[in-house]
Amino acid sequence: MQDLKRIKTSTTATAAELREFLRALRGKTPTEMLGIVASSSLFRSLIVATIGTAALIAVFTIIPFAWGKIFHNPDEAPALPVAEAKSETPENKPANPEPSIDTPKAPDRTIDALGVGESKNAPPRSNPLEGASDDLLDGLE
């Protein structure tokens, strides 16, 4: 409950500060406005938030990069690009090649039970969804 009161007072204070800032800008010359903007805590807060965000982005980009450089495993060979991959000739072909993709074959009775490839014809002038009594909102009032 105290948090809600604190949020309400903070929001009110922020709105009052913004109103005061806008009142100070009315009727001023551009050079005077720049002086007001520079002395405003709202502008200072914007600059601090921008610098903080940029610093966080830099830190969370540099740390993973450095981590990868420090703990790099030299035993792992990098993947070759497709253009540099060796072509399989009869002399470099392995004796027992492994299948590239293992896809289980479905028996024909499973396909028949699921009705794959079957089609059903509906009467052309009737709408199967029309007149359905499954109204989800029925009884909600």
N, C-alpha and C. Protein backbone atom coordinates (compact mmCIF):
# COMPACT_ATOMS: atom_id res chain seq x y z
N MET A 1 0.83 -1.19 0.00
CA MET A 1 0.00 0.00 0.00
C MET A 1 0.87 1.25 0.00
N GLN A 2 1.99 1.20 0.75
CA GLN A 2 2.87 2.35 0.79
C GLN A 2 3.53 2.58 -0.57
N ASP A 3 3.78 1.49 -1.30
CA ASP A 3 4.38 1.62 -2.62
C ASP A 3 3.45 2.39 -3.56
N LEU A 4 2.15 2.09 -3.48
CA LEU A 4 1.20 2.80 -4.34
C LEU A 4 1.16 4.29 -4.01
N LYS A 5 1.22 4.62 -2.72
CA LYS A 5 1.22 6.03 -2.33
C LYS A 5 2.50 6.72 -2.82
N ARG A 6 3.62 6.01 -2.72
CA ARG A 6 4.89 6.56 -3.16
C ARG A 6 4.89 6.77 -4.68
N ILE A 7 4.32 5.83 -5.42
CA ILE A 7 4.23 5.97 -6.88
C ILE A 7 3.35 7.15 -7.24
N LYS A 8 2.25 7.29 -6.53
CA LYS A 8 1.32 8.39 -6.81
C LYS A 8 2.00 9.74 -6.56
N THR A 9 2.72 9.86 -5.45
CA THR A 9 3.39 11.13 -5.16
C THR A 9 4.54 11.38 -6.12
N SER A 10 5.26 10.34 -6.52
CA SER A 10 6.35 10.51 -7.48
C SER A 10 5.82 10.93 -8.83
N THR A 11 4.71 10.32 -9.25
CA THR A 11 4.10 10.68 -10.53
C THR A 11 3.61 12.11 -10.50
N THR A 12 3.02 12.50 -9.40
CA THR A 12 2.53 13.87 -9.26
C THR A 12 3.70 14.84 -9.28
N ALA A 13 4.80 14.50 -8.60
CA ALA A 13 5.97 15.36 -8.58
C ALA A 13 6.58 15.48 -9.97
N THR A 14 6.62 14.39 -10.71
CA THR A 14 7.18 14.41 -12.06
C THR A 14 6.30 15.26 -12.97
N ALA A 15 4.99 15.11 -12.86
CA ALA A 15 4.07 15.90 -13.68
C ALA A 15 4.19 17.39 -13.32
N ALA A 16 4.33 17.69 -12.03
CA ALA A 16 4.48 19.09 -11.60
C ALA A 16 5.79 19.66 -12.12
N GLU A 17 6.85 18.87 -12.09
CA GLU A 17 8.13 19.34 -12.61
C GLU A 17 8.04 19.61 -14.11
N LEU A 18 7.36 18.75 -14.83
CA LEU A 18 7.19 18.94 -16.27
C LEU A 18 6.36 20.18 -16.57
N ARG A 19 5.29 20.41 -15.80
CA ARG A 19 4.47 21.61 -15.99
C ARG A 19 5.28 22.88 -15.71
N GLU A 20 6.07 22.84 -14.66
CA GLU A 20 6.91 23.99 -14.30
C GLU A 20 7.93 24.26 -15.41
N PHE A 21 8.49 23.22 -15.94
CA PHE A 21 9.48 23.34 -17.02
C PHE A 21 8.85 23.98 -18.25
N LEU A 22 7.63 23.53 -18.62
CA LEU A 22 6.95 24.08 -19.79
C LEU A 22 6.53 25.54 -19.56
N ARG A 23 6.13 25.89 -18.32
CA ARG A 23 5.78 27.27 -18.02
C ARG A 23 7.00 28.17 -18.16
N ALA A 24 8.15 27.67 -17.77
CA ALA A 24 9.37 28.46 -17.85
C ALA A 24 9.79 28.70 -19.30
N LEU A 25 9.38 27.82 -20.21
CA LEU A 25 9.76 27.98 -21.61
C LEU A 25 8.90 28.98 -22.37
N ARG A 26 7.71 29.28 -21.87
CA ARG A 26 6.79 30.17 -22.59
C ARG A 26 7.34 31.59 -22.65
N GLY A 27 7.30 32.16 -23.84
CA GLY A 27 7.68 33.56 -24.02
C GLY A 27 9.17 33.83 -23.95
N LYS A 28 9.98 32.84 -24.06
CA LYS A 28 11.43 33.02 -23.97
C LYS A 28 12.04 32.98 -25.37
N THR A 29 13.17 33.60 -25.50
CA THR A 29 13.91 33.53 -26.75
C THR A 29 14.63 32.18 -26.82
N PRO A 30 15.06 31.78 -28.02
CA PRO A 30 15.73 30.49 -28.15
C PRO A 30 16.98 30.36 -27.27
N THR A 31 17.74 31.43 -27.12
CA THR A 31 18.95 31.33 -26.28
C THR A 31 18.58 31.15 -24.81
N GLU A 32 17.51 31.83 -24.37
CA GLU A 32 17.05 31.66 -23.00
C GLU A 32 16.53 30.25 -22.78
N MET A 33 15.83 29.71 -23.81
CA MET A 33 15.31 28.34 -23.70
C MET A 33 16.44 27.33 -23.54
N LEU A 34 17.51 27.54 -24.28
CA LEU A 34 18.63 26.61 -24.17
C LEU A 34 19.23 26.64 -22.77
N GLY A 35 19.25 27.81 -22.17
CA GLY A 35 19.76 27.91 -20.80
C GLY A 35 18.85 27.20 -19.82
N ILE A 36 17.54 27.30 -20.02
CA ILE A 36 16.58 26.62 -19.14
C ILE A 36 16.68 25.12 -19.32
N VAL A 37 16.81 24.67 -20.56
CA VAL A 37 16.90 23.24 -20.82
C VAL A 37 18.17 22.69 -20.19
N ALA A 38 19.27 23.42 -20.29
CA ALA A 38 20.54 22.94 -19.74
C ALA A 38 20.49 22.85 -18.22
N SER A 39 19.73 23.73 -17.57
CA SER A 39 19.68 23.70 -16.11
C SER A 39 18.60 22.77 -15.57
N SER A 40 17.80 22.19 -16.43
CA SER A 40 16.71 21.33 -15.99
C SER A 40 17.23 19.96 -15.56
N SER A 41 16.69 19.43 -14.49
CA SER A 41 17.08 18.09 -14.04
C SER A 41 16.49 17.02 -14.95
N LEU A 42 15.43 17.38 -15.68
CA LEU A 42 14.83 16.45 -16.63
C LEU A 42 15.80 16.17 -17.78
N PHE A 43 16.43 17.22 -18.28
CA PHE A 43 17.41 17.07 -19.35
C PHE A 43 18.64 16.31 -18.85
N ARG A 44 19.07 16.62 -17.66
CA ARG A 44 20.23 15.94 -17.07
C ARG A 44 19.92 14.45 -16.88
N SER A 45 18.73 14.13 -16.46
CA SER A 45 18.33 12.73 -16.27
C SER A 45 18.31 11.99 -17.60
N LEU A 46 17.86 12.67 -18.66
CA LEU A 46 17.86 12.07 -19.99
C LEU A 46 19.28 11.73 -20.44
N ILE A 47 20.20 12.63 -20.22
CA ILE A 47 21.60 12.40 -20.60
C ILE A 47 22.19 11.24 -19.80
N VAL A 48 21.93 11.20 -18.51
CA VAL A 48 22.45 10.12 -17.66
C VAL A 48 21.88 8.77 -18.09
N ALA A 49 20.59 8.73 -18.40
CA ALA A 49 19.95 7.48 -18.84
C ALA A 49 20.53 7.03 -20.17
N THR A 50 20.78 7.95 -21.09
CA THR A 50 21.35 7.60 -22.39
C THR A 50 22.76 7.04 -22.24
N ILE A 51 23.57 7.69 -21.43
CA ILE A 51 24.94 7.21 -21.21
C ILE A 51 24.92 5.85 -20.50
N GLY A 52 24.04 5.69 -19.54
CA GLY A 52 23.93 4.41 -18.83
C GLY A 52 23.51 3.28 -19.75
N THR A 53 22.56 3.55 -20.62
CA THR A 53 22.11 2.52 -21.57
C THR A 53 23.22 2.15 -22.53
N ALA A 54 23.94 3.14 -23.04
CA ALA A 54 25.05 2.86 -23.95
C ALA A 54 26.13 2.05 -23.24
N ALA A 55 26.41 2.37 -21.97
CA ALA A 55 27.41 1.62 -21.21
C ALA A 55 26.98 0.17 -21.00
N LEU A 56 25.71 -0.05 -20.68
CA LEU A 56 25.22 -1.42 -20.49
C LEU A 56 25.29 -2.22 -21.79
N ILE A 57 24.93 -1.61 -22.90
CA ILE A 57 25.02 -2.31 -24.19
C ILE A 57 26.46 -2.67 -24.48
N ALA A 58 27.38 -1.74 -24.23
CA ALA A 58 28.80 -2.01 -24.48
C ALA A 58 29.31 -3.13 -23.59
N VAL A 59 28.97 -3.09 -22.31
CA VAL A 59 29.45 -4.11 -21.37
C VAL A 59 28.90 -5.48 -21.73
N PHE A 60 27.61 -5.56 -22.01
CA PHE A 60 27.02 -6.86 -22.31
C PHE A 60 27.34 -7.35 -23.73
N THR A 61 28.04 -6.54 -24.50
CA THR A 61 28.55 -6.99 -25.79
C THR A 61 30.00 -7.44 -25.65
N ILE A 62 30.77 -6.70 -24.88
CA ILE A 62 32.21 -6.99 -24.74
C ILE A 62 32.45 -8.22 -23.87
N ILE A 63 31.70 -8.40 -22.80
CA ILE A 63 31.92 -9.54 -21.89
C ILE A 63 31.76 -10.88 -22.60
N PRO A 64 30.70 -11.15 -23.34
CA PRO A 64 30.61 -12.44 -24.04
C PRO A 64 31.70 -12.62 -25.09
N PHE A 65 32.08 -11.54 -25.76
CA PHE A 65 33.15 -11.64 -26.76
C PHE A 65 34.47 -12.01 -26.09
N ALA A 66 34.80 -11.34 -24.98
CA ALA A 66 36.04 -11.64 -24.27
C ALA A 66 35.99 -13.05 -23.67
N TRP A 67 34.83 -13.45 -23.16
CA TRP A 67 34.67 -14.79 -22.59
C TRP A 67 34.98 -15.85 -23.65
N GLY A 68 34.49 -15.64 -24.85
CA GLY A 68 34.75 -16.58 -25.94
C GLY A 68 36.22 -16.61 -26.33
N LYS A 69 36.89 -15.47 -26.28
CA LYS A 69 38.31 -15.43 -26.62
C LYS A 69 39.15 -16.09 -25.53
N ILE A 70 38.80 -15.88 -24.27
CA ILE A 70 39.60 -16.43 -23.16
C ILE A 70 39.42 -17.94 -23.05
N PHE A 71 38.20 -18.40 -23.11
CA PHE A 71 37.91 -19.82 -22.90
C PHE A 71 37.67 -20.57 -24.21
N HIS A 72 38.31 -20.15 -25.27
CA HIS A 72 38.18 -20.79 -26.57
C HIS A 72 38.85 -22.15 -26.53
N ASN A 73 38.18 -23.17 -27.05
CA ASN A 73 38.73 -24.52 -27.08
C ASN A 73 39.44 -24.72 -28.42
N PRO A 74 40.79 -24.78 -28.44
CA PRO A 74 41.49 -24.91 -29.70
C PRO A 74 41.32 -26.29 -30.34
N ASP A 75 40.84 -27.28 -29.59
CA ASP A 75 40.65 -28.62 -30.15
C ASP A 75 39.48 -28.67 -31.12
N GLU A 76 38.54 -27.76 -30.97
CA GLU A 76 37.37 -27.74 -31.85
C GLU A 76 37.78 -27.17 -33.19
N ALA A 77 37.47 -27.90 -34.23
CA ALA A 77 37.77 -27.42 -35.57
C ALA A 77 36.61 -26.55 -36.06
N PRO A 78 36.89 -25.42 -36.67
CA PRO A 78 35.79 -24.59 -37.17
C PRO A 78 35.11 -25.28 -38.35
N ALA A 79 33.85 -25.02 -38.49
CA ALA A 79 33.08 -25.62 -39.58
C ALA A 79 33.53 -25.03 -40.91
N LEU A 80 33.70 -25.86 -41.90
CA LEU A 80 34.11 -25.40 -43.21
C LEU A 80 32.93 -24.81 -43.95
N PRO A 81 33.16 -23.75 -44.70
CA PRO A 81 32.07 -23.23 -45.53
C PRO A 81 31.71 -24.25 -46.60
N VAL A 82 30.53 -24.12 -47.15
CA VAL A 82 30.03 -25.07 -48.13
C VAL A 82 30.92 -25.10 -49.37
N ALA A 83 31.44 -23.95 -49.79
CA ALA A 83 32.25 -23.90 -51.00
C ALA A 83 33.57 -24.65 -50.84
N GLU A 84 34.10 -24.73 -49.60
CA GLU A 84 35.38 -25.38 -49.38
C GLU A 84 35.25 -26.84 -48.99
N ALA A 85 34.04 -27.35 -48.86
CA ALA A 85 33.84 -28.74 -48.46
C ALA A 85 34.36 -29.66 -49.56
N LYS A 86 34.99 -30.78 -49.14
CA LYS A 86 35.53 -31.72 -50.12
C LYS A 86 34.40 -32.46 -50.80
N SER A 87 34.55 -32.68 -52.07
CA SER A 87 33.56 -33.46 -52.79
C SER A 87 33.84 -34.93 -52.53
N GLU A 88 32.80 -35.70 -52.47
CA GLU A 88 32.98 -37.12 -52.18
C GLU A 88 33.29 -37.87 -53.46
N THR A 89 34.50 -38.30 -53.57
CA THR A 89 34.92 -39.13 -54.69
C THR A 89 35.02 -40.55 -54.18
N PRO A 90 35.08 -41.50 -55.06
CA PRO A 90 35.14 -42.89 -54.59
C PRO A 90 36.29 -43.17 -53.63
N GLU A 91 37.43 -42.47 -53.76
CA GLU A 91 38.54 -42.77 -52.85
C GLU A 91 38.37 -42.13 -51.47
N ASN A 92 37.62 -40.96 -51.31
CA ASN A 92 37.42 -40.41 -49.97
C ASN A 92 36.06 -40.77 -49.39
N LYS A 93 35.30 -41.60 -50.02
CA LYS A 93 33.99 -41.99 -49.52
C LYS A 93 34.18 -42.98 -48.37
N PRO A 94 33.50 -42.77 -47.23
CA PRO A 94 33.63 -43.71 -46.12
C PRO A 94 33.04 -45.07 -46.48
N ALA A 95 33.56 -46.10 -45.80
CA ALA A 95 33.12 -47.47 -46.09
C ALA A 95 31.65 -47.67 -45.73
N ASN A 96 31.23 -47.16 -44.59
CA ASN A 96 29.84 -47.30 -44.14
C ASN A 96 29.23 -45.91 -43.97
N PRO A 97 28.68 -45.34 -45.02
CA PRO A 97 28.11 -44.01 -44.86
C PRO A 97 26.86 -44.06 -43.99
N GLU A 98 26.73 -43.05 -43.10
CA GLU A 98 25.56 -42.97 -42.23
C GLU A 98 24.48 -42.18 -42.95
N PRO A 99 23.22 -42.55 -42.75
CA PRO A 99 22.15 -41.78 -43.39
C PRO A 99 22.10 -40.36 -42.81
N SER A 100 21.83 -39.39 -43.65
CA SER A 100 21.86 -38.01 -43.20
C SER A 100 20.63 -37.67 -42.35
N ILE A 101 19.48 -38.20 -42.69
CA ILE A 101 18.26 -37.92 -41.92
C ILE A 101 17.58 -39.24 -41.63
N ASP A 102 17.27 -39.46 -40.37
CA ASP A 102 16.56 -40.67 -39.98
C ASP A 102 15.08 -40.34 -39.87
N THR A 103 14.31 -40.73 -40.87
CA THR A 103 12.87 -40.52 -40.82
C THR A 103 12.20 -41.87 -40.73
N PRO A 104 11.39 -42.06 -39.70
CA PRO A 104 10.71 -43.34 -39.59
C PRO A 104 9.65 -43.49 -40.68
N LYS A 105 9.57 -44.65 -41.21
CA LYS A 105 8.57 -44.93 -42.23
C LYS A 105 7.27 -45.34 -41.55
N ALA A 106 6.19 -44.66 -41.91
CA ALA A 106 4.90 -44.98 -41.33
C ALA A 106 4.30 -46.14 -42.11
N PRO A 107 3.77 -47.12 -41.40
CA PRO A 107 3.13 -48.23 -42.11
C PRO A 107 1.89 -47.75 -42.85
N ASP A 108 1.53 -48.47 -43.88
CA ASP A 108 0.39 -48.09 -44.71
C ASP A 108 -0.92 -48.10 -43.93
N ARG A 109 -1.05 -48.98 -42.94
CA ARG A 109 -2.31 -49.04 -42.20
C ARG A 109 -2.51 -47.77 -41.35
N THR A 110 -1.40 -47.16 -40.90
CA THR A 110 -1.52 -45.91 -40.15
C THR A 110 -2.02 -44.80 -41.06
N ILE A 111 -1.48 -44.73 -42.25
CA ILE A 111 -1.91 -43.71 -43.20
C ILE A 111 -3.37 -43.91 -43.55
N ASP A 112 -3.79 -45.15 -43.75
CA ASP A 112 -5.19 -45.43 -44.06
C ASP A 112 -6.11 -45.07 -42.90
N ALA A 113 -5.66 -45.35 -41.65
CA ALA A 113 -6.48 -45.05 -40.48
C ALA A 113 -6.65 -43.55 -40.29
N LEU A 114 -5.62 -42.77 -40.65
CA LEU A 114 -5.71 -41.32 -40.51
C LEU A 114 -6.48 -40.68 -41.65
N GLY A 115 -6.66 -41.39 -42.72
CA GLY A 115 -7.41 -40.85 -43.84
C GLY A 115 -6.59 -39.89 -44.69
N VAL A 116 -5.28 -40.09 -44.73
CA VAL A 116 -4.43 -39.22 -45.53
C VAL A 116 -4.71 -39.48 -47.00
N GLY A 117 -4.92 -38.44 -47.76
CA GLY A 117 -5.16 -38.56 -49.19
C GLY A 117 -6.62 -38.74 -49.55
N GLU A 118 -7.49 -38.88 -48.57
CA GLU A 118 -8.91 -39.03 -48.87
C GLU A 118 -9.56 -37.66 -48.98
N SER A 119 -10.61 -37.58 -49.74
CA SER A 119 -11.36 -36.34 -49.84
C SER A 119 -12.84 -36.65 -49.72
N LYS A 120 -13.57 -35.71 -49.13
CA LYS A 120 -15.00 -35.87 -48.97
C LYS A 120 -15.68 -34.73 -49.71
N ASN A 121 -16.73 -35.05 -50.42
CA ASN A 121 -17.47 -34.05 -51.17
C ASN A 121 -18.65 -33.56 -50.34
N ALA A 122 -18.81 -32.24 -50.28
CA ALA A 122 -19.93 -31.63 -49.57
C ALA A 122 -20.92 -31.11 -50.60
N PRO A 123 -22.21 -31.04 -50.22
CA PRO A 123 -23.18 -30.46 -51.15
C PRO A 123 -22.80 -29.01 -51.46
N PRO A 124 -22.83 -28.61 -52.73
CA PRO A 124 -22.34 -27.28 -53.09
C PRO A 124 -23.19 -26.13 -52.59
N ARG A 125 -24.48 -26.31 -52.31
CA ARG A 125 -25.35 -25.20 -51.93
C ARG A 125 -25.58 -25.10 -50.42
N SER A 126 -24.96 -25.94 -49.63
CA SER A 126 -25.19 -25.86 -48.19
C SER A 126 -23.90 -25.49 -47.48
N ASN A 127 -24.06 -24.70 -46.42
CA ASN A 127 -22.94 -24.28 -45.59
C ASN A 127 -22.92 -25.17 -44.35
N PRO A 128 -21.87 -25.95 -44.13
CA PRO A 128 -21.87 -26.85 -42.97
C PRO A 128 -21.81 -26.12 -41.64
N LEU A 129 -21.38 -24.86 -41.63
CA LEU A 129 -21.30 -24.11 -40.38
C LEU A 129 -22.57 -23.34 -40.07
N GLU A 130 -23.45 -23.25 -41.02
CA GLU A 130 -24.67 -22.51 -40.82
C GLU A 130 -25.66 -23.35 -40.02
N GLY A 131 -26.30 -22.73 -39.05
CA GLY A 131 -27.31 -23.41 -38.27
C GLY A 131 -26.73 -24.29 -37.18
N ALA A 132 -25.45 -24.15 -36.88
CA ALA A 132 -24.86 -24.96 -35.82
C ALA A 132 -25.36 -24.43 -34.47
N SER A 133 -25.58 -25.33 -33.55
CA SER A 133 -26.12 -24.94 -32.25
C SER A 133 -25.02 -24.88 -31.20
N ASP A 134 -23.79 -24.61 -31.59
CA ASP A 134 -22.70 -24.56 -30.62
C ASP A 134 -22.26 -23.12 -30.38
N ASP A 135 -23.23 -22.25 -30.06
CA ASP A 135 -22.93 -20.85 -29.79
C ASP A 135 -22.23 -20.74 -28.45
N LEU A 136 -20.98 -20.28 -28.46
CA LEU A 136 -20.19 -20.21 -27.23
C LEU A 136 -20.70 -19.13 -26.28
N LEU A 137 -21.30 -18.09 -26.80
CA LEU A 137 -21.76 -16.99 -25.96
C LEU A 137 -23.20 -17.16 -25.51
N ASP A 138 -23.81 -18.28 -25.86
CA ASP A 138 -25.20 -18.53 -25.49
C ASP A 138 -25.28 -18.72 -23.97
N GLY A 139 -26.12 -18.00 -23.31
CA GLY A 139 -26.33 -18.13 -21.88
C GLY A 139 -25.47 -17.17 -21.06
N LEU A 140 -24.63 -16.39 -21.70
CA LEU A 140 -23.82 -15.40 -20.98
C LEU A 140 -24.48 -14.04 -21.10
N GLU A 141 -25.02 -13.59 -20.03
CA GLU A 141 -25.66 -12.27 -20.03
C GLU A 141 -25.44 -11.58 -18.73
